[in-house]
Amino acid sequence: MSKSVLIIGTGLGALATALRLSSKGYRVEMVEKHHRAGGRLNLIEKDGFTFDMGPSFFSMSYEFDELFRSCNMANPLVLQELDPVYSVRFSNREKPFMIYKDIEKLAGEFKGLEDNFEYKLKKYLQGARTIFHDTEDIVIRKNFSSRLDYLLQLTRVPLKHSPKMFRSMWTELSKTFESEEARVIFSLVAFFLGATPFQTPAVYSLLTYTELEHDGYWNVKGGMYKIVEELLRLLDERNVRIHYNTEIISVQTEFGNIRSFVDQNGKEWKADIFVSNSDAASFRGKILQRKKFTEKKLDAMDWTLAPFTIYLGLDRKIPNLIHHNYFLGSNFRQYADSIFSTSVTPEKPYYYVNVSSKSNPECAPEGCENIFILCPVPDLRHKPEWSDSEKFTDTILTDFSTRIGIDVKKHIVSKTILNPIHWQNQFNLYRGSGLGLAHGLNQVGGMRPSNKDEEYDNLYYVGASTTPGTGLPMVVISSKLVTERIEHEYHFV
């Protein structure tokens, strides 16, 4: 008889794991706290507009091909490559930088600012390329039986990369580029890890390679939530049932294994195997009551920045924006040094603006535009109170309007604001941390919470806070790793 699996949560990692396991004959059932699947990969439908709620692009698109290929099916997603990849606007410079994949074209953006730009970037990308391909099968696409196993595997990484583990991304960029603008722009990938380039190890320069040369950035035709919708369709065909508005609050054990998880209504959910898509660290503390993951110890870990997000429906088009835009100030180092631990909202915030209606016109009524603004802010350990959300929104919108030369506040017909408290409560994000555990050397690879539970043989984990890490392609890989682990230990179905 086939083994039964209960998956807690329906984020991308959970949905991908459910597809892999159900395709291999496991009987899969899922429970979800929210009223809709997707976790942070969700959407907001309001006033005729549709917004990507969280992720608005991704790299390493081939990981989705691998997912569907492993389940013996064609990739149903229609992908759209972004080029220019993004634009960057500095407050002290009127003209935005357009970041192209074409290196010669990109060099034109830095003319007069950075001598020999094309040569320098190619040299930087060569180093990033080497790191990526020398580590992808050792650190990213591999399960580890223990921390010792992980450290032994690291000995396979060429020694020439070791200096980049101990110096920052900013230091590495400063060795290559002379202009502040080039250093800042190519350090923005650190924020995708929920950190700043001054704390992020230089090995993560590999992300610049993935965005400019290896695969680029991609959007999904119809909006990012199409990923979830297609996975749900395929899971329905495989009789995978999802139970919404169901929050797991405790566990029942017997004979050293988990018998069931219990929801807010007291219902027991039984299975042979359990997979948690909730944060792998806080789940161990909150639900399993592990002493190593108490609130005090969780707070001592390094967490990614929290999201402050604004979703605007405008009654007009904004001609001078592309799909993917950054708005930065002129005090990058000072801003980055303070953003993690400040207890007040910044007066001159840095923020990201996504206009998905540029790529998917159906996401907004005709003649209108949908705007998604994300400002990284301190998590709730440092700023627990957000009664100033409206004031902070006004600060961002005033700056945004000035920078693009259009008073967007006069054209708003729909507005939704989500502060870190909303993100914490809606998606069980610890302290509102947007991307879970940070990716310093002590929390990467085998140093992250394992995807196999330390005590219970029938409990596994998938998602951003376990291996290999955060980001859509990483959690797709995470689903592959946990599936391999389950197959190895429960190979009879």
Protein backbone atom coordinates (compact mmCIF):
# COMPACT_ATOMS: atom_id res chain seq x y z
CA MET A 1 0.00 0.00 0.00
CA SER A 2 1.28 3.47 -0.88
CA LYS A 3 2.59 5.71 1.90
CA SER A 4 0.54 8.72 2.97
CA VAL A 5 2.10 12.18 3.26
CA LEU A 6 0.76 15.26 5.00
CA ILE A 7 2.36 18.53 3.89
CA ILE A 8 1.94 21.54 6.18
CA GLY A 9 1.69 24.74 4.16
CA THR A 10 1.24 25.38 0.45
CA GLY A 11 4.16 27.61 -0.52
CA LEU A 12 6.07 26.87 -3.71
CA GLY A 13 8.32 24.36 -1.92
CA ALA A 14 5.30 22.47 -0.60
CA LEU A 15 3.44 22.46 -3.92
CA ALA A 16 6.54 21.28 -5.79
CA THR A 17 7.13 18.53 -3.21
CA ALA A 18 3.49 17.45 -3.45
CA LEU A 19 3.80 17.22 -7.24
CA ARG A 20 7.00 15.19 -7.06
CA LEU A 21 5.69 12.77 -4.41
CA SER A 22 2.23 12.31 -5.92
CA SER A 23 3.88 11.58 -9.29
CA LYS A 24 5.84 8.80 -7.57
CA GLY A 25 2.76 7.15 -6.08
CA TYR A 26 2.60 8.67 -2.61
CA ARG A 27 -0.85 9.67 -1.30
CA VAL A 28 -0.52 13.37 -0.54
CA GLU A 29 -2.75 15.67 1.51
CA MET A 30 -2.03 19.31 2.40
CA VAL A 31 -3.18 21.77 5.08
CA GLU A 32 -2.94 25.55 4.74
CA LYS A 33 -3.49 28.34 7.29
CA HIS A 34 -4.44 30.89 4.61
CA HIS A 35 -7.60 30.78 2.49
CA ARG A 36 -5.50 30.38 -0.64
CA ALA A 37 -2.39 28.43 -1.66
CA GLY A 38 0.99 29.90 -2.53
CA GLY A 39 2.50 31.25 0.69
CA ARG A 40 4.48 34.37 -0.16
CA LEU A 41 4.02 33.53 -3.84
CA ASN A 42 0.50 34.90 -3.68
CA LEU A 43 -1.68 37.57 -5.23
CA ILE A 44 -4.00 40.39 -4.32
CA GLU A 45 -7.14 40.92 -6.39
CA LYS A 46 -8.75 44.25 -5.68
CA ASP A 47 -10.73 46.95 -7.52
CA GLY A 48 -10.15 45.30 -10.90
CA PHE A 49 -6.36 45.03 -10.37
CA THR A 50 -4.23 41.95 -9.78
CA PHE A 51 -0.93 42.26 -7.91
CA ASP A 52 1.95 39.85 -7.36
CA MET A 53 1.97 39.82 -3.57
CA GLY A 54 5.56 38.74 -3.05
CA PRO A 55 8.05 37.39 -5.61
CA SER A 56 7.81 39.30 -8.89
CA PHE A 57 10.61 37.64 -10.91
CA PHE A 58 13.08 34.75 -10.68
CA SER A 59 16.31 33.45 -12.14
CA MET A 60 17.47 29.88 -12.88
CA SER A 61 14.27 29.22 -14.84
CA TYR A 62 15.58 25.78 -15.81
CA GLU A 63 14.80 24.57 -12.28
CA PHE A 64 11.11 24.70 -13.20
CA ASP A 65 11.88 22.64 -16.31
CA GLU A 66 13.59 20.09 -14.06
CA LEU A 67 10.59 19.98 -11.71
CA PHE A 68 8.07 19.17 -14.43
CA ARG A 69 10.45 16.88 -16.31
CA SER A 70 11.03 14.84 -13.14
CA CYS A 71 7.26 14.34 -12.95
CA ASN A 72 7.08 13.24 -16.62
CA MET A 73 5.20 16.29 -17.84
CA ALA A 74 5.81 19.34 -19.99
CA ASN A 75 6.40 22.71 -18.34
CA PRO A 76 2.99 24.46 -18.52
CA LEU A 77 4.39 27.90 -17.66
CA VAL A 78 4.87 30.54 -20.35
CA LEU A 79 7.95 32.50 -19.31
CA GLN A 80 8.86 36.05 -20.33
CA GLU A 81 12.48 37.17 -20.10
CA LEU A 82 13.09 40.64 -18.68
CA ASP A 83 15.50 42.77 -20.70
CA PRO A 84 16.39 45.37 -19.56
CA VAL A 85 16.76 43.24 -16.47
CA TYR A 86 15.98 46.24 -14.25
CA SER A 87 16.49 49.99 -13.92
CA VAL A 88 18.25 51.79 -11.07
CA ARG A 89 17.51 55.39 -10.09
CA PHE A 90 19.75 57.34 -7.74
CA SER A 91 18.32 60.41 -6.01
CA ASN A 92 21.25 62.57 -7.13
CA ARG A 93 21.06 61.50 -10.79
CA GLU A 94 18.18 62.32 -13.11
CA LYS A 95 18.78 59.60 -15.72
CA PRO A 96 18.19 56.01 -14.59
CA PHE A 97 20.68 53.24 -15.29
CA MET A 98 19.19 50.56 -17.54
CA ILE A 99 20.75 47.20 -16.75
CA TYR A 100 20.96 45.11 -19.92
CA LYS A 101 22.20 41.56 -20.40
CA ASP A 102 24.09 42.75 -23.48
CA ILE A 103 27.43 43.77 -21.94
CA GLU A 104 28.31 46.20 -24.75
CA LYS A 105 24.94 47.90 -24.38
CA LEU A 106 25.32 47.94 -20.61
CA ALA A 107 28.74 49.54 -20.91
CA GLY A 108 27.10 52.54 -22.55
CA GLU A 109 25.20 53.21 -19.32
CA PHE A 110 28.50 53.70 -17.46
CA LYS A 111 30.27 55.78 -20.08
CA GLY A 112 32.18 58.57 -18.36
CA LEU A 113 31.72 56.96 -14.93
CA GLU A 114 33.77 53.78 -15.08
CA ASP A 115 36.80 53.41 -17.36
CA ASN A 116 37.20 50.01 -19.04
CA PHE A 117 33.78 49.01 -17.71
CA GLU A 118 33.26 46.16 -20.16
CA TYR A 119 36.60 44.56 -19.31
CA LYS A 120 36.03 44.93 -15.56
CA LEU A 121 32.52 43.46 -15.66
CA LYS A 122 33.59 40.50 -17.79
CA LYS A 123 36.41 39.80 -15.32
CA TYR A 124 33.97 40.03 -12.39
CA LEU A 125 31.49 37.74 -14.15
CA GLN A 126 34.23 35.23 -14.90
CA GLY A 127 34.96 34.94 -11.19
CA ALA A 128 31.25 34.70 -10.38
CA ARG A 129 30.74 32.06 -13.07
CA THR A 130 33.55 29.93 -11.69
CA ILE A 131 32.17 30.10 -8.13
CA PHE A 132 28.68 29.15 -9.31
CA HIS A 133 29.73 26.09 -11.28
CA ASP A 134 32.32 24.99 -8.73
CA THR A 135 29.78 25.00 -5.88
CA GLU A 136 26.34 24.26 -7.36
CA ASP A 137 26.60 20.48 -6.99
CA ILE A 138 28.49 20.62 -3.69
CA VAL A 139 26.51 23.20 -1.73
CA ILE A 140 23.23 23.85 -3.57
CA ARG A 141 22.00 20.54 -4.98
CA LYS A 142 23.01 18.21 -2.18
CA ASN A 143 21.62 16.74 1.03
CA PHE A 144 23.87 16.57 4.07
CA SER A 145 23.67 13.94 6.78
CA SER A 146 25.27 16.26 9.35
CA ARG A 147 27.23 19.47 9.73
CA LEU A 148 30.41 17.43 9.64
CA ASP A 149 29.31 15.91 6.33
CA TYR A 150 28.74 19.43 5.00
CA LEU A 151 32.16 20.64 6.13
CA LEU A 152 33.81 17.59 4.54
CA GLN A 153 31.98 18.31 1.28
CA LEU A 154 33.29 21.89 1.35
CA THR A 155 36.81 20.51 1.06
CA ARG A 156 35.88 19.66 -2.54
CA VAL A 157 35.44 23.36 -3.37
CA PRO A 158 38.64 24.71 -4.99
CA LEU A 159 40.77 26.58 -2.47
CA LYS A 160 40.98 29.61 -4.76
CA HIS A 161 37.43 30.54 -3.68
CA SER A 162 38.12 30.53 0.06
CA PRO A 163 39.08 34.24 0.34
CA LYS A 164 35.64 35.16 -0.98
CA MET A 165 34.03 33.33 1.90
CA PHE A 166 35.65 35.68 4.38
CA ARG A 167 35.39 39.05 2.68
CA SER A 168 32.21 40.90 1.86
CA MET A 169 30.55 41.36 -1.49
CA TRP A 170 31.18 45.10 -1.17
CA THR A 171 34.91 44.53 -0.66
CA GLU A 172 34.99 42.31 -3.74
CA LEU A 173 33.17 44.89 -5.84
CA SER A 174 35.49 47.63 -4.60
CA LYS A 175 38.45 45.61 -5.90
CA THR A 176 36.85 45.64 -9.36
CA PHE A 177 34.96 48.91 -9.85
CA GLU A 178 36.00 52.47 -9.01
CA SER A 179 32.64 54.21 -9.29
CA GLU A 180 30.15 54.15 -6.42
CA GLU A 181 27.32 53.66 -8.90
CA ALA A 182 28.75 50.41 -10.32
CA ARG A 183 29.51 49.06 -6.85
CA VAL A 184 26.01 49.81 -5.59
CA ILE A 185 24.20 48.46 -8.65
CA PHE A 186 26.03 45.13 -8.69
CA SER A 187 25.62 44.76 -4.95
CA LEU A 188 21.82 44.95 -5.11
CA VAL A 189 21.67 41.16 -5.50
CA ALA A 190 22.54 40.99 -1.78
CA PHE A 191 19.12 42.40 -1.00
CA PHE A 192 17.56 39.37 -2.75
CA LEU A 193 19.05 37.42 0.15
CA GLY A 194 17.43 39.86 2.58
CA ALA A 195 20.80 41.32 3.57
CA THR A 196 23.21 44.09 2.58
CA PRO A 197 26.45 43.72 0.59
CA PHE A 198 28.47 44.75 3.65
CA GLN A 199 27.42 41.57 5.52
CA THR A 200 26.96 39.25 2.52
CA PRO A 201 30.00 37.05 1.70
CA ALA A 202 31.67 37.72 -1.66
CA VAL A 203 30.86 34.19 -2.84
CA TYR A 204 27.34 35.47 -3.54
CA SER A 205 28.74 37.44 -6.47
CA LEU A 206 27.56 34.31 -8.27
CA LEU A 207 24.09 35.91 -8.25
CA THR A 208 25.33 38.63 -10.62
CA TYR A 209 26.34 35.86 -12.99
CA THR A 210 22.88 34.29 -12.80
CA GLU A 211 21.14 37.61 -13.53
CA LEU A 212 23.34 38.95 -16.33
CA GLU A 213 24.82 35.95 -18.10
CA HIS A 214 23.70 32.53 -16.96
CA ASP A 215 19.92 32.72 -17.20
CA GLY A 216 18.65 36.25 -16.56
CA TYR A 217 15.41 37.26 -14.87
CA TRP A 218 12.02 35.91 -15.79
CA ASN A 219 8.36 36.70 -15.25
CA VAL A 220 5.40 34.42 -15.95
CA LYS A 221 2.83 35.36 -18.57
CA GLY A 222 -0.37 36.22 -16.71
CA GLY A 223 1.45 37.04 -13.46
CA MET A 224 3.57 35.10 -11.01
CA TYR A 225 0.57 33.42 -9.38
CA LYS A 226 0.18 31.39 -12.58
CA ILE A 227 2.93 29.18 -11.13
CA VAL A 228 0.66 28.31 -8.20
CA GLU A 229 -2.43 27.93 -10.37
CA GLU A 230 -0.71 25.48 -12.71
CA LEU A 231 0.67 23.45 -9.82
CA LEU A 232 -2.77 23.33 -8.21
CA ARG A 233 -4.30 22.13 -11.47
CA LEU A 234 -1.75 19.34 -11.77
CA LEU A 235 -2.16 18.36 -8.11
CA ASP A 236 -5.93 18.21 -8.52
CA GLU A 237 -5.44 15.78 -11.41
CA ARG A 238 -3.44 13.62 -9.00
CA ASN A 239 -6.15 13.75 -6.31
CA VAL A 240 -4.07 15.82 -3.89
CA ARG A 241 -6.53 17.43 -1.46
CA ILE A 242 -5.80 20.80 0.15
CA HIS A 243 -7.58 21.90 3.33
CA TYR A 244 -7.59 25.68 3.73
CA ASN A 245 -8.08 27.82 6.86
CA THR A 246 -6.34 25.06 8.79
CA GLU A 247 -3.52 26.07 11.11
CA ILE A 248 -1.32 23.47 12.80
CA ILE A 249 -0.77 24.33 16.47
CA SER A 250 0.60 21.17 18.13
CA VAL A 251 1.94 17.66 17.59
CA GLN A 252 1.11 14.17 18.87
CA THR A 253 3.85 11.55 19.05
CA GLU A 254 4.18 7.85 19.80
CA PHE A 255 7.07 5.36 19.76
CA GLY A 256 9.57 8.10 18.81
CA ASN A 257 7.69 9.18 15.69
CA ILE A 258 4.94 11.68 14.90
CA ARG A 259 1.45 10.23 15.01
CA SER A 260 -0.37 13.39 13.99
CA PHE A 261 -0.44 17.16 13.94
CA VAL A 262 -3.37 18.99 15.54
CA ASP A 263 -5.08 22.05 14.06
CA GLN A 264 -6.75 25.05 15.74
CA ASN A 265 -10.05 23.16 15.94
CA GLY A 266 -8.54 20.15 17.68
CA LYS A 267 -8.63 17.91 14.60
CA GLU A 268 -5.82 15.41 14.26
CA TRP A 269 -4.09 15.05 10.88
CA LYS A 270 -2.46 11.64 10.55
CA ALA A 271 -0.05 10.30 7.93
CA ASP A 272 2.96 8.03 7.52
CA ILE A 273 5.22 10.92 6.55
CA PHE A 274 5.02 14.65 7.36
CA VAL A 275 6.62 17.56 5.51
CA SER A 276 6.59 21.07 6.97
CA ASN A 277 6.74 24.06 4.64
CA SER A 278 6.55 26.41 7.60
CA ASP A 279 9.80 28.15 8.60
CA ALA A 280 12.15 25.29 9.45
CA ALA A 281 13.61 27.06 12.49
CA SER A 282 10.57 28.65 14.10
CA PHE A 283 8.43 25.50 13.46
CA ARG A 284 10.87 23.50 15.57
CA GLY A 285 10.47 26.05 18.36
CA LYS A 286 6.78 26.94 18.19
CA ILE A 287 5.25 23.56 17.32
CA LEU A 288 7.85 21.03 18.48
CA GLN A 289 8.94 23.05 21.55
CA ARG A 290 12.64 22.40 20.91
CA LYS A 291 15.02 23.98 23.43
CA LYS A 292 17.49 24.81 20.65
CA PHE A 293 14.81 26.89 18.94
CA THR A 294 13.29 28.88 21.79
CA GLU A 295 12.22 32.44 21.06
CA LYS A 296 15.39 33.72 22.74
CA LYS A 297 17.60 31.52 20.58
CA LEU A 298 15.64 32.28 17.42
CA ASP A 299 16.06 36.00 18.11
CA ALA A 300 19.82 35.47 18.36
CA MET A 301 19.93 34.03 14.83
CA ASP A 302 20.48 36.16 11.74
CA TRP A 303 17.23 36.90 9.92
CA THR A 304 16.53 38.62 6.64
CA LEU A 305 14.96 42.05 6.40
CA ALA A 306 11.19 42.40 6.69
CA PRO A 307 8.99 43.60 3.82
CA PHE A 308 6.91 46.78 3.89
CA THR A 309 4.75 46.54 0.79
CA ILE A 310 2.35 48.90 -0.97
CA TYR A 311 0.01 47.84 -3.78
CA LEU A 312 -1.39 50.67 -5.89
CA GLY A 313 -3.91 50.69 -8.69
CA LEU A 314 -3.50 53.86 -10.78
CA ASP A 315 -6.01 55.32 -13.25
CA ARG A 316 -3.26 56.12 -15.76
CA LYS A 317 -0.11 54.68 -17.33
CA ILE A 318 3.39 55.50 -16.06
CA PRO A 319 5.53 55.73 -19.22
CA ASN A 320 9.00 56.08 -17.66
CA LEU A 321 9.04 52.83 -15.66
CA ILE A 322 9.82 49.27 -16.73
CA HIS A 323 8.80 45.99 -15.09
CA HIS A 324 11.57 45.99 -12.47
CA ASN A 325 12.91 49.25 -10.90
CA TYR A 326 15.09 50.30 -7.94
CA PHE A 327 14.91 53.72 -6.28
CA LEU A 328 18.01 54.50 -4.22
CA GLY A 329 19.33 57.46 -2.27
CA SER A 330 22.84 58.88 -2.15
CA ASN A 331 23.93 57.50 1.25
CA PHE A 332 24.10 53.78 0.48
CA ARG A 333 26.64 52.74 3.13
CA GLN A 334 24.96 54.74 5.90
CA TYR A 335 21.54 53.42 4.92
CA ALA A 336 22.69 49.80 4.72
CA ASP A 337 24.47 49.99 8.08
CA SER A 338 21.35 51.21 9.88
CA ILE A 339 18.46 49.45 8.15
CA PHE A 340 18.80 46.14 10.05
CA SER A 341 18.56 47.51 13.55
CA THR A 342 16.83 50.90 13.46
CA SER A 343 13.65 51.28 15.51
CA VAL A 344 12.24 54.06 13.34
CA THR A 345 11.17 54.15 9.71
CA PRO A 346 13.74 55.79 7.43
CA GLU A 347 13.06 59.37 6.31
CA LYS A 348 14.54 58.74 2.87
CA PRO A 349 13.82 55.07 2.16
CA TYR A 350 15.30 52.89 -0.55
CA TYR A 351 12.69 50.78 -2.33
CA TYR A 352 11.88 48.51 -5.25
CA VAL A 353 9.02 49.16 -7.68
CA ASN A 354 7.44 46.42 -9.76
CA VAL A 355 5.03 47.27 -12.57
CA SER A 356 3.78 43.88 -13.70
CA SER A 357 1.18 45.48 -15.99
CA LYS A 358 4.12 46.39 -18.26
CA SER A 359 4.58 42.66 -18.98
CA ASN A 360 1.02 41.52 -18.23
CA PRO A 361 -1.50 44.21 -19.29
CA GLU A 362 -4.39 42.03 -18.09
CA CYS A 363 -3.29 42.71 -14.49
CA ALA A 364 -4.82 46.20 -14.67
CA PRO A 365 -7.92 47.72 -16.35
CA GLU A 366 -7.32 49.30 -19.75
CA GLY A 367 -5.38 52.53 -19.50
CA CYS A 368 -4.39 51.78 -15.89
CA GLU A 369 -1.25 50.58 -14.15
CA ASN A 370 -0.59 48.33 -11.16
CA ILE A 371 2.31 49.32 -8.93
CA PHE A 372 3.88 47.08 -6.28
CA ILE A 373 6.37 48.85 -3.98
CA LEU A 374 8.59 46.91 -1.60
CA CYS A 375 10.74 48.65 1.00
CA PRO A 376 13.05 46.43 3.10
CA VAL A 377 12.71 47.38 6.76
CA PRO A 378 13.91 46.02 10.14
CA ASP A 379 12.13 42.92 11.40
CA LEU A 380 9.88 43.02 14.45
CA ARG A 381 12.73 42.39 16.88
CA HIS A 382 13.94 45.92 16.19
CA LYS A 383 10.75 47.74 15.20
CA PRO A 384 7.75 45.95 16.71
CA GLU A 385 5.28 48.84 16.33
CA TRP A 386 3.86 49.94 12.98
CA SER A 387 1.18 52.54 13.77
CA ASP A 388 3.11 54.84 11.41
CA SER A 389 2.38 52.69 8.35
CA GLU A 390 0.24 55.35 6.63
CA LYS A 391 2.82 58.06 7.33
CA PHE A 392 5.64 55.87 6.02
CA THR A 393 3.60 55.09 2.90
CA ASP A 394 3.10 58.80 2.29
CA THR A 395 6.87 59.34 2.63
CA ILE A 396 7.57 56.69 -0.01
CA LEU A 397 4.86 57.91 -2.39
CA THR A 398 6.01 61.53 -2.11
CA ASP A 399 9.57 60.50 -2.98
CA PHE A 400 8.36 58.20 -5.76
CA SER A 401 6.21 60.96 -7.28
CA THR A 402 9.10 63.43 -7.22
CA ARG A 403 11.49 60.96 -8.81
CA ILE A 404 9.22 60.03 -11.75
CA GLY A 405 7.71 63.50 -12.23
CA ILE A 406 4.11 62.34 -11.72
CA ASP A 407 2.01 62.86 -8.59
CA VAL A 408 0.87 59.26 -8.23
CA LYS A 409 -1.22 60.12 -5.17
CA LYS A 410 -3.68 61.94 -7.41
CA HIS A 411 -4.17 58.82 -9.53
CA ILE A 412 -4.66 56.14 -6.87
CA VAL A 413 -7.91 54.20 -7.22
CA SER A 414 -6.81 51.20 -5.15
CA LYS A 415 -4.36 50.99 -2.24
CA THR A 416 -3.29 48.14 0.05
CA ILE A 417 -0.53 48.41 2.66
CA LEU A 418 1.10 45.42 4.36
CA ASN A 419 3.63 46.03 7.13
CA PRO A 420 5.83 43.36 8.80
CA ILE A 421 3.08 42.56 11.33
CA HIS A 422 0.73 41.62 8.48
CA TRP A 423 3.39 39.43 6.89
CA GLN A 424 4.14 37.73 10.21
CA ASN A 425 0.52 36.99 10.99
CA GLN A 426 -0.65 35.98 7.54
CA PHE A 427 2.22 33.67 6.58
CA ASN A 428 3.81 32.73 9.93
CA LEU A 429 7.00 34.61 9.04
CA TYR A 430 9.17 34.76 12.14
CA ARG A 431 9.32 38.39 13.38
CA GLY A 432 8.06 39.37 9.93
CA SER A 433 11.34 38.34 8.29
CA GLY A 434 10.58 38.30 4.57
CA LEU A 435 12.94 35.55 3.42
CA GLY A 436 13.53 33.59 6.61
CA LEU A 437 17.02 32.89 7.92
CA ALA A 438 19.85 34.95 6.47
CA HIS A 439 22.68 33.41 4.42
CA GLY A 440 25.85 34.12 6.38
CA LEU A 441 28.48 31.38 6.50
CA ASN A 442 27.04 30.03 9.76
CA GLN A 443 23.57 29.66 8.22
CA VAL A 444 24.24 28.35 4.72
CA GLY A 445 24.36 24.84 3.25
CA GLY A 446 24.56 22.22 5.95
CA MET A 447 24.59 24.94 8.62
CA ARG A 448 20.94 25.77 7.93
CA PRO A 449 18.22 23.82 9.76
CA SER A 450 18.20 20.39 8.16
CA ASN A 451 15.42 19.18 5.88
CA LYS A 452 15.27 16.02 8.02
CA ASP A 453 14.12 16.35 11.62
CA GLU A 454 16.67 15.60 14.34
CA GLU A 455 14.33 13.48 16.48
CA TYR A 456 11.43 12.19 14.38
CA ASP A 457 12.21 9.86 11.49
CA ASN A 458 8.97 10.69 9.68
CA LEU A 459 9.25 14.52 9.70
CA TYR A 460 10.91 16.55 6.93
CA TYR A 461 11.17 20.20 5.95
CA VAL A 462 11.04 22.13 2.69
CA GLY A 463 11.30 25.84 1.90
CA ALA A 464 13.48 28.93 2.23
CA SER A 465 14.81 28.40 5.77
CA THR A 466 16.12 24.89 5.14
CA THR A 467 18.57 23.75 2.45
CA PRO A 468 19.60 25.15 0.07
CA GLY A 469 18.10 28.61 0.84
CA THR A 470 15.80 31.40 -0.22
CA GLY A 471 14.43 32.34 -3.65
CA LEU A 472 12.02 30.56 -5.99
CA PRO A 473 14.59 28.35 -7.76
CA MET A 474 16.15 27.46 -4.41
CA VAL A 475 12.86 26.23 -2.94
CA VAL A 476 12.22 24.22 -6.12
CA ILE A 477 15.61 22.60 -5.52
CA SER A 478 14.62 22.20 -1.86
CA SER A 479 11.61 20.15 -2.99
CA LYS A 480 13.92 17.93 -5.01
CA LEU A 481 16.27 17.38 -2.06
CA VAL A 482 13.52 16.51 0.40
CA THR A 483 11.87 14.19 -2.14
CA GLU A 484 15.19 12.37 -2.65
CA ARG A 485 15.51 12.03 1.11
CA ILE A 486 11.99 10.62 1.52
CA GLU A 487 12.46 8.23 -1.41
CA HIS A 488 15.69 6.93 0.07
CA GLU A 489 14.10 6.27 3.45
CA TYR A 490 10.60 5.32 2.25
CA HIS A 491 11.47 3.80 -1.11
CA PHE A 492 8.64 1.25 -0.88
CA VAL A 493 5.30 2.89 -1.74
